[in-house]
Protein backbone atom coordinates (compact mmCIF):
# COMPACT_ATOMS: atom_id res chain seq x y z
CA MET A 1 70.12 -48.47 -100.69
CA THR A 2 73.68 -49.84 -100.65
CA THR A 3 75.30 -48.84 -97.28
CA ARG A 4 78.73 -48.62 -97.05
CA SER A 5 80.72 -49.58 -94.72
CA VAL A 6 84.08 -49.15 -93.49
CA ARG A 7 86.23 -50.06 -90.77
CA TYR A 8 89.56 -48.25 -88.93
CA PRO A 9 92.47 -49.17 -87.81
CA HIS A 10 90.99 -49.63 -84.01
CA GLY A 11 88.30 -50.91 -85.11
CA ALA A 12 85.42 -48.94 -85.51
CA VAL A 13 83.11 -48.69 -88.20
CA SER A 14 81.65 -45.82 -90.13
CA ALA A 15 78.87 -46.03 -92.09
CA PHE A 16 78.31 -44.34 -95.02
CA ILE A 17 80.65 -41.93 -94.18
CA PRO A 18 84.75 -43.82 -95.90
CA GLY A 19 87.11 -40.81 -94.59
CA ALA A 20 85.52 -40.60 -90.47
CA LYS A 21 87.32 -39.84 -88.43
CA MET A 22 86.75 -41.83 -85.08
CA ALA A 23 88.84 -42.03 -82.68
CA PRO A 24 88.41 -45.39 -79.95
CA ALA A 25 87.78 -44.28 -76.62
CA GLY A 26 89.87 -42.77 -74.32
CA GLU A 27 91.84 -40.72 -77.00
CA LEU A 28 88.50 -37.45 -77.76
CA ASP A 29 89.33 -34.03 -77.56
CA MET A 30 87.93 -31.83 -76.96
CA ALA A 31 86.74 -31.64 -80.22
CA SER A 32 85.15 -34.21 -80.48
CA ILE A 33 80.80 -34.50 -80.10
CA PRO A 34 79.88 -38.59 -80.37
CA PHE A 35 77.02 -38.54 -83.39
CA ASP A 36 76.09 -41.38 -84.89
CA THR A 37 75.65 -40.62 -88.27
CA LEU A 38 73.53 -43.84 -89.14
CA LYS A 39 70.60 -43.12 -86.37
CA PHE A 40 71.71 -39.47 -88.58
CA VAL A 41 70.38 -40.98 -91.31
CA LYS A 42 68.19 -43.00 -90.66
CA THR A 43 65.60 -39.77 -88.79
CA LEU A 44 66.20 -37.86 -91.80
CA GLU A 45 64.92 -41.02 -94.20
CA ALA A 46 62.59 -41.76 -91.75
CA ALA A 47 61.58 -38.56 -91.83
CA GLY A 48 61.35 -38.75 -95.89
CA VAL A 49 64.55 -37.32 -96.19
CA PRO A 50 65.84 -38.64 -99.50
CA ALA A 51 68.97 -42.06 -98.73
CA PRO A 52 71.95 -38.51 -100.38
CA GLN A 53 70.62 -35.70 -99.01
CA ALA A 54 70.57 -38.26 -95.32
CA GLU A 55 74.45 -38.80 -96.10
CA ALA A 56 74.81 -35.03 -97.06
CA PHE A 57 73.33 -33.83 -93.88
CA SER A 58 74.77 -36.23 -91.95
CA ALA A 59 78.76 -36.12 -92.91
CA ALA A 60 78.32 -31.68 -93.11
CA VAL A 61 77.05 -32.24 -89.51
CA ARG A 62 79.96 -34.45 -88.56
CA ASP A 63 81.97 -32.20 -90.55
CA SER A 64 80.81 -28.26 -88.62
CA HIS A 65 81.00 -31.16 -85.37
CA GLU A 66 84.80 -31.18 -86.32
CA PHE A 67 85.64 -27.70 -85.69
CA VAL A 68 83.43 -26.83 -82.44
CA ASP A 69 86.02 -25.85 -79.29
CA VAL A 70 83.35 -26.92 -76.92
CA ALA A 71 84.50 -28.77 -73.00
CA THR A 72 82.80 -31.73 -72.76
CA LYS A 73 81.89 -33.78 -69.25
CA ARG A 74 84.72 -34.94 -69.07
CA ASP A 75 87.18 -32.66 -69.54
CA ILE A 76 85.72 -30.85 -67.20
CA ASP A 77 86.02 -32.77 -64.62
CA ASP A 78 90.03 -33.80 -65.92
CA LEU A 79 90.45 -29.70 -65.91
CA ARG A 80 88.87 -29.99 -62.05
CA LYS A 81 91.23 -33.03 -61.25
CA GLU A 82 94.59 -31.10 -62.11
CA MET A 83 93.52 -27.69 -60.17
CA GLU A 84 92.89 -29.86 -57.43
CA ALA A 85 96.45 -31.33 -58.06
CA ARG A 86 97.63 -27.83 -58.24
CA PHE A 87 96.28 -26.87 -55.89
CA GLU A 88 97.19 -29.46 -53.35
CA LYS A 89 100.86 -29.55 -54.60
CA MET A 90 101.49 -25.27 -54.07
CA GLU A 91 99.93 -25.33 -50.64
CA LEU A 92 102.36 -28.03 -49.52
CA ARG A 93 105.38 -25.50 -51.12
CA LEU A 94 104.24 -22.61 -48.95
CA THR A 95 103.52 -24.97 -45.74
CA ILE A 96 107.23 -25.53 -46.01
CA LYS A 97 108.08 -22.02 -46.33
CA LEU A 98 106.29 -21.05 -43.93
CA GLY A 99 107.34 -23.34 -42.16
CA THR A 100 111.49 -22.58 -42.98
CA ILE A 101 110.43 -18.93 -42.45
CA VAL A 102 109.43 -19.29 -38.53
CA VAL A 103 112.49 -21.30 -38.10
CA ILE A 104 114.33 -18.89 -39.64
CA ALA A 105 112.43 -16.09 -37.70
CA LEU A 106 112.73 -18.41 -33.87
CA GLY A 107 116.83 -19.30 -34.41
CA ALA A 108 116.89 -15.48 -35.31
CA PHE A 109 114.73 -14.53 -32.18
CA THR A 110 116.62 -16.87 -30.11
CA ALA A 111 120.79 -16.45 -31.16
CA LEU A 112 119.39 -12.68 -30.58
CA SER A 113 118.07 -12.79 -27.21
CA LYS A 114 120.99 -15.20 -26.30
CA TRP A 115 123.33 -12.30 -27.34
CA ALA A 116 122.12 -9.91 -26.08
CA ALA A 117 122.13 -11.68 -22.46
């Protein structure tokens, strides 16, 4: 059996699948699910599946993962951090607004008490 390897500009290598979309670390999006195609093919071959069929199965699984809209743990953690930052920002804005309202109310109360006296 001959294996083909394709080298991508960022250095990632895909065995068997020349058109594979591969992203360097840190550039994975929500639809990217880590999938070791070579290990998958080797496992199928060890179970008696012929190499061409194992490669076809691997390509089909990889292609199906491209269209899956699944949040990874990293995605959820990033969203949690973003939401915490937004809540902290909102809390600061509300504190400033409430402080402004209190200052205006005290000023109005002081002015009215002097005017009425």
